[in-house]
Amino acid sequence: MKPRVGQTLVSTVDATTVVVVRWPEKDLEVTCGGAAMVDPRGPEAGAIGTPDPSQMGGSQLGKRYADEELGVEVLCTKSGQGTLALNGVPLPLKAAKPLPASD
């Protein structure tokens, strides 16, 4: 699946919801809890996936997850128990940029 920037994706194993912030021209699979994330308006939206116990580290509301090498970034808009991953590799939290000091 190749998501579009601004598209919402939902997990099939928990309540996690993300919005795509950046996505390359590549066809990559984003998963949550070991199961592929789907378009909430698509035919798979009501599907129930089977969670992978090793992929249940949780996701944090309001945090960005990114893979800088691949050019992928998603924003978590609803947290859940599943770990967000890209092609089977967990997505790390994106570090916050420090604000400039005001004099």
C-alpha atoms as a PDB file:
ATOM      1  CA  MET A   1       0.000   0.000   0.000  1.00  0.00           C
ATOM      2  CA  LYS A   2       1.236   3.493  -0.825  1.00  0.00           C
ATOM      3  CA  PRO A   3      -0.422   6.013   1.511  1.00  0.00           C
ATOM      4  CA  ARG A   4      -0.851   9.655   0.552  1.00  0.00           C
ATOM      5  CA  VAL A   5       0.334  12.575   2.675  1.00  0.00           C
ATOM      6  CA  GLY A   6      -2.571  13.583   4.928  1.00  0.00           C
ATOM      7  CA  GLN A   7      -4.195  10.145   4.795  1.00  0.00           C
ATOM      8  CA  THR A   8      -5.430   8.553   8.022  1.00  0.00           C
ATOM      9  CA  LEU A   9      -4.492   4.936   8.735  1.00  0.00           C
ATOM     10  CA  VAL A  10      -6.000   2.751  11.458  1.00  0.00           C
ATOM     11  CA  SER A  11      -4.764  -0.387  13.164  1.00  0.00           C
ATOM     12  CA  THR A  12      -6.635  -3.676  12.884  1.00  0.00           C
ATOM     13  CA  VAL A  13      -5.343  -4.951  16.249  1.00  0.00           C
ATOM     14  CA  ASP A  14      -5.915  -1.988  18.592  1.00  0.00           C
ATOM     15  CA  ALA A  15      -7.115   1.631  18.683  1.00  0.00           C
ATOM     16  CA  THR A  16      -4.002   3.209  17.118  1.00  0.00           C
ATOM     17  CA  THR A  17      -4.647   5.829  14.429  1.00  0.00           C
ATOM     18  CA  VAL A  18      -1.990   7.789  12.530  1.00  0.00           C
ATOM     19  CA  VAL A  19      -1.875  10.538   9.900  1.00  0.00           C
ATOM     20  CA  VAL A  20       0.773  10.329   7.179  1.00  0.00           C
ATOM     21  CA  VAL A  21       3.031  13.413   7.310  1.00  0.00           C
ATOM     22  CA  ARG A  22       5.734  12.314   4.817  1.00  0.00           C
ATOM     23  CA  TRP A  23       5.856   9.310   2.486  1.00  0.00           C
ATOM     24  CA  PRO A  24       8.293   8.475  -0.325  1.00  0.00           C
ATOM     25  CA  GLU A  25       7.344   7.244  -3.792  1.00  0.00           C
ATOM     26  CA  LYS A  26       8.121   3.708  -2.600  1.00  0.00           C
ATOM     27  CA  ASP A  27       5.572   1.028  -1.768  1.00  0.00           C
ATOM     28  CA  LEU A  28       6.204   0.325   1.944  1.00  0.00           C
ATOM     29  CA  GLU A  29       4.101  -1.455   4.558  1.00  0.00           C
ATOM     30  CA  VAL A  30       3.327   0.324   7.817  1.00  0.00           C
ATOM     31  CA  THR A  31       2.149  -1.994  10.583  1.00  0.00           C
ATOM     32  CA  CYS A  32       0.866  -1.702  14.121  1.00  0.00           C
ATOM     33  CA  GLY A  33       1.175  -4.656  16.455  1.00  0.00           C
ATOM     34  CA  GLY A  34       2.479  -6.756  13.561  1.00  0.00           C
ATOM     35  CA  ALA A  35      -0.627  -6.268  11.356  1.00  0.00           C
ATOM     36  CA  ALA A  36      -0.893  -3.918   8.378  1.00  0.00           C
ATOM     37  CA  MET A  37      -2.589  -0.568   8.976  1.00  0.00           C
ATOM     38  CA  VAL A  38      -5.554   0.197   6.703  1.00  0.00           C
ATOM     39  CA  ASP A  39      -7.575   3.118   5.353  1.00  0.00           C
ATOM     40  CA  PRO A  40     -10.580   3.658   7.686  1.00  0.00           C
ATOM     41  CA  ARG A  41     -12.834   4.114   4.635  1.00  0.00           C
ATOM     42  CA  GLY A  42     -11.452   1.106   2.760  1.00  0.00           C
ATOM     43  CA  PRO A  43     -12.886  -2.421   2.512  1.00  0.00           C
ATOM     44  CA  GLU A  44     -10.469  -3.749   5.184  1.00  0.00           C
ATOM     45  CA  ALA A  45     -11.518  -1.145   7.781  1.00  0.00           C
ATOM     46  CA  GLY A  46     -13.618  -3.514   9.897  1.00  0.00           C
ATOM     47  CA  ALA A  47     -11.100  -6.361   9.774  1.00  0.00           C
ATOM     48  CA  ILE A  48      -9.679  -7.724  13.004  1.00  0.00           C
ATOM     49  CA  GLY A  49      -5.991  -8.583  12.793  1.00  0.00           C
ATOM     50  CA  THR A  50      -3.983 -10.898  14.999  1.00  0.00           C
ATOM     51  CA  PRO A  51      -1.438  -9.002  17.110  1.00  0.00           C
ATOM     52  CA  ASP A  52       2.167 -10.158  17.302  1.00  0.00           C
ATOM     53  CA  PRO A  53       3.082 -10.265  21.029  1.00  0.00           C
ATOM     54  CA  SER A  54       6.620  -9.058  20.235  1.00  0.00           C
ATOM     55  CA  GLN A  55       5.162  -5.960  18.523  1.00  0.00           C
ATOM     56  CA  MET A  56       3.016  -4.719  21.420  1.00  0.00           C
ATOM     57  CA  GLY A  57       5.233  -1.928  22.815  1.00  0.00           C
ATOM     58  CA  GLY A  58       2.601   0.783  22.446  1.00  0.00           C
ATOM     59  CA  SER A  59       2.300   4.076  20.590  1.00  0.00           C
ATOM     60  CA  GLN A  60       2.086   7.549  22.119  1.00  0.00           C
ATOM     61  CA  LEU A  61      -0.617  10.106  21.350  1.00  0.00           C
ATOM     62  CA  GLY A  62       0.623  13.283  19.647  1.00  0.00           C
ATOM     63  CA  LYS A  63       4.091  11.913  18.899  1.00  0.00           C
ATOM     64  CA  ARG A  64       5.714  11.682  15.491  1.00  0.00           C
ATOM     65  CA  TYR A  65       7.343   8.449  14.374  1.00  0.00           C
ATOM     66  CA  ALA A  66       9.868   8.703  11.548  1.00  0.00           C
ATOM     67  CA  ASP A  67      12.426   6.836   9.483  1.00  0.00           C
ATOM     68  CA  GLU A  68      14.699   9.543   8.070  1.00  0.00           C
ATOM     69  CA  GLU A  69      16.532   7.161   5.705  1.00  0.00           C
ATOM     70  CA  LEU A  70      13.321   6.138   3.942  1.00  0.00           C
ATOM     71  CA  GLY A  71      11.635   9.541   4.251  1.00  0.00           C
ATOM     72  CA  VAL A  72       8.623   8.317   6.243  1.00  0.00           C
ATOM     73  CA  GLU A  73       6.902  10.244   9.028  1.00  0.00           C
ATOM     74  CA  VAL A  74       3.542   9.610  10.718  1.00  0.00           C
ATOM     75  CA  LEU A  75       1.743  11.447  13.523  1.00  0.00           C
ATOM     76  CA  CYS A  76      -0.071   9.334  16.127  1.00  0.00           C
ATOM     77  CA  THR A  77      -3.576  10.784  16.617  1.00  0.00           C
ATOM     78  CA  LYS A  78      -4.932   7.946  18.758  1.00  0.00           C
ATOM     79  CA  SER A  79      -2.677   5.784  20.918  1.00  0.00           C
ATOM     80  CA  GLY A  80      -2.829   2.043  21.336  1.00  0.00           C
ATOM     81  CA  GLN A  81      -0.897  -0.986  22.545  1.00  0.00           C
ATOM     82  CA  GLY A  82       0.700  -1.923  19.208  1.00  0.00           C
ATOM     83  CA  THR A  83       4.175  -0.870  18.070  1.00  0.00           C
ATOM     84  CA  LEU A  84       4.317   1.156  14.846  1.00  0.00           C
ATOM     85  CA  ALA A  85       6.698  -0.436  12.346  1.00  0.00           C
ATOM     86  CA  LEU A  86       7.769   0.005   8.735  1.00  0.00           C
ATOM     87  CA  ASN A  87       8.505  -3.174   6.772  1.00  0.00           C
ATOM     88  CA  GLY A  88       8.821  -5.026  10.092  1.00  0.00           C
ATOM     89  CA  VAL A  89      11.274  -2.567  11.690  1.00  0.00           C
ATOM     90  CA  PRO A  90       9.894  -0.516  14.628  1.00  0.00           C
ATOM     91  CA  LEU A  91       9.594   3.202  13.868  1.00  0.00           C
ATOM     92  CA  PRO A  92      11.495   5.356  16.377  1.00  0.00           C
ATOM     93  CA  LEU A  93      10.021   8.466  17.970  1.00  0.00           C
ATOM     94  CA  LYS A  94      11.116  11.602  16.158  1.00  0.00           C
ATOM     95  CA  ALA A  95      13.201  13.854  18.399  1.00  0.00           C
ATOM     96  CA  ALA A  96      11.742  17.278  19.119  1.00  0.00           C
ATOM     97  CA  LYS A  97      13.668  20.221  17.732  1.00  0.00           C
ATOM     98  CA  PRO A  98      14.776  22.674  20.424  1.00  0.00           C
ATOM     99  CA  LEU A  99      13.281  26.134  20.180  1.00  0.00           C
ATOM    100  CA  PRO A 100      15.709  28.999  19.656  1.00  0.00           C
ATOM    101  CA  ALA A 101      16.585  31.034  22.704  1.00  0.00           C
ATOM    102  CA  SER A 102      14.947  34.434  22.791  1.00  0.00           C
ATOM    103  CA  ASP A 103      17.079  37.255  24.057  1.00  0.00           C
END
